[in-house]
Amino acid sequence: MANCPVCDAEVEIAPDTVVGELMTCEDCGCELEVLTLEPVKLGEAPEAEEDWGE
C-alpha cells in the first residue's frame, strides 16, 4: 500500500508493480506514477505533451 500524494487515500500496489508504472487513484481519479518501490512512493504523473510531429 501507498498513499496518494493528492488526497492521501490508500492506493493498492500490485506485487509486480515497476518504477515508472502509471495508475489511477480510485478516490480522487488523479493519475499517479510509481517513483520508488522500497519504500513505495507515488507522485502525480506528468502531463502527456503533444509533439505535433516535430
C-alpha atoms as a PDB file:
ATOM      1  CA  MET A   1       0.000   0.000   0.000  1.00  0.00           C
ATOM      2  CA  ALA A   2       0.980   3.591  -0.601  1.00  0.00           C
ATOM      3  CA  ASN A   3      -0.798   6.912  -0.164  1.00  0.00           C
ATOM      4  CA  CYS A   4      -1.996   9.165  -2.942  1.00  0.00           C
ATOM      5  CA  PRO A   5       0.038  12.410  -2.888  1.00  0.00           C
ATOM      6  CA  VAL A   6      -3.081  14.391  -3.837  1.00  0.00           C
ATOM      7  CA  CYS A   7      -5.829  13.126  -1.499  1.00  0.00           C
ATOM      8  CA  ASP A   8      -3.839  10.869   0.887  1.00  0.00           C
ATOM      9  CA  ALA A   9      -6.089   7.857   0.168  1.00  0.00           C
ATOM     10  CA  GLU A  10      -4.523   4.401   0.331  1.00  0.00           C
ATOM     11  CA  VAL A  11      -3.627   3.043  -3.099  1.00  0.00           C
ATOM     12  CA  GLU A  12      -3.123  -0.688  -3.511  1.00  0.00           C
ATOM     13  CA  ILE A  13       0.138  -1.642  -5.208  1.00  0.00           C
ATOM     14  CA  ALA A  14       0.320  -4.949  -7.099  1.00  0.00           C
ATOM     15  CA  PRO A  15       3.264  -7.253  -6.312  1.00  0.00           C
ATOM     16  CA  ASP A  16       4.555  -6.975  -9.912  1.00  0.00           C
ATOM     17  CA  THR A  17       4.490  -3.152  -9.988  1.00  0.00           C
ATOM     18  CA  VAL A  18       7.566  -1.481 -11.503  1.00  0.00           C
ATOM     19  CA  VAL A  19       9.064   2.012 -11.170  1.00  0.00           C
ATOM     20  CA  GLY A  20       7.515   4.347 -13.735  1.00  0.00           C
ATOM     21  CA  GLU A  21       4.228   2.449 -13.871  1.00  0.00           C
ATOM     22  CA  LEU A  22       1.116   4.613 -14.082  1.00  0.00           C
ATOM     23  CA  MET A  23      -2.028   4.025 -12.043  1.00  0.00           C
ATOM     24  CA  THR A  24      -5.130   5.939 -11.038  1.00  0.00           C
ATOM     25  CA  CYS A  25      -6.224   6.810  -7.510  1.00  0.00           C
ATOM     26  CA  GLU A  26      -9.697   5.334  -7.064  1.00  0.00           C
ATOM     27  CA  ASP A  27     -10.695   8.090  -4.605  1.00  0.00           C
ATOM     28  CA  CYS A  28      -9.760  11.289  -6.459  1.00  0.00           C
ATOM     29  CA  GLY A  29      -9.127   9.973 -10.005  1.00  0.00           C
ATOM     30  CA  CYS A  30      -5.633  11.504 -10.198  1.00  0.00           C
ATOM     31  CA  GLU A  31      -3.151   9.710 -12.464  1.00  0.00           C
ATOM     32  CA  LEU A  32      -0.156   8.573 -10.419  1.00  0.00           C
ATOM     33  CA  GLU A  33       3.343   7.359 -11.230  1.00  0.00           C
ATOM     34  CA  VAL A  34       5.355   4.913  -9.115  1.00  0.00           C
ATOM     35  CA  LEU A  35       8.541   6.803  -8.170  1.00  0.00           C
ATOM     36  CA  THR A  36      10.229   4.213  -5.896  1.00  0.00           C
ATOM     37  CA  LEU A  37       9.427   0.699  -4.721  1.00  0.00           C
ATOM     38  CA  GLU A  38      11.197   0.426  -1.348  1.00  0.00           C
ATOM     39  CA  PRO A  39       9.535   2.239   0.192  1.00  0.00           C
ATOM     40  CA  VAL A  40       6.741   2.653  -2.320  1.00  0.00           C
ATOM     41  CA  LYS A  41       6.375   6.317  -3.202  1.00  0.00           C
ATOM     42  CA  LEU A  42       3.833   7.754  -5.615  1.00  0.00           C
ATOM     43  CA  GLY A  43       3.815  11.100  -7.403  1.00  0.00           C
ATOM     44  CA  GLU A  44       1.483  12.840  -9.800  1.00  0.00           C
ATOM     45  CA  ALA A  45       2.036  11.531 -13.317  1.00  0.00           C
ATOM     46  CA  PRO A  46       3.448  14.141 -15.701  1.00  0.00           C
ATOM     47  CA  GLU A  47       1.030  15.587 -18.222  1.00  0.00           C
ATOM     48  CA  ALA A  48       1.353  13.969 -21.629  1.00  0.00           C
ATOM     49  CA  GLU A  49       2.704  16.504 -24.085  1.00  0.00           C
ATOM     50  CA  GLU A  50       1.753  16.639 -27.735  1.00  0.00           C
ATOM     51  CA  ASP A  51       4.721  16.621 -30.091  1.00  0.00           C
ATOM     52  CA  TRP A  52       2.637  17.541 -33.157  1.00  0.00           C
ATOM     53  CA  GLY A  53       5.063  15.680 -35.426  1.00  0.00           C
ATOM     54  CA  GLU A  54       8.035  17.872 -34.596  1.00  0.00           C
END
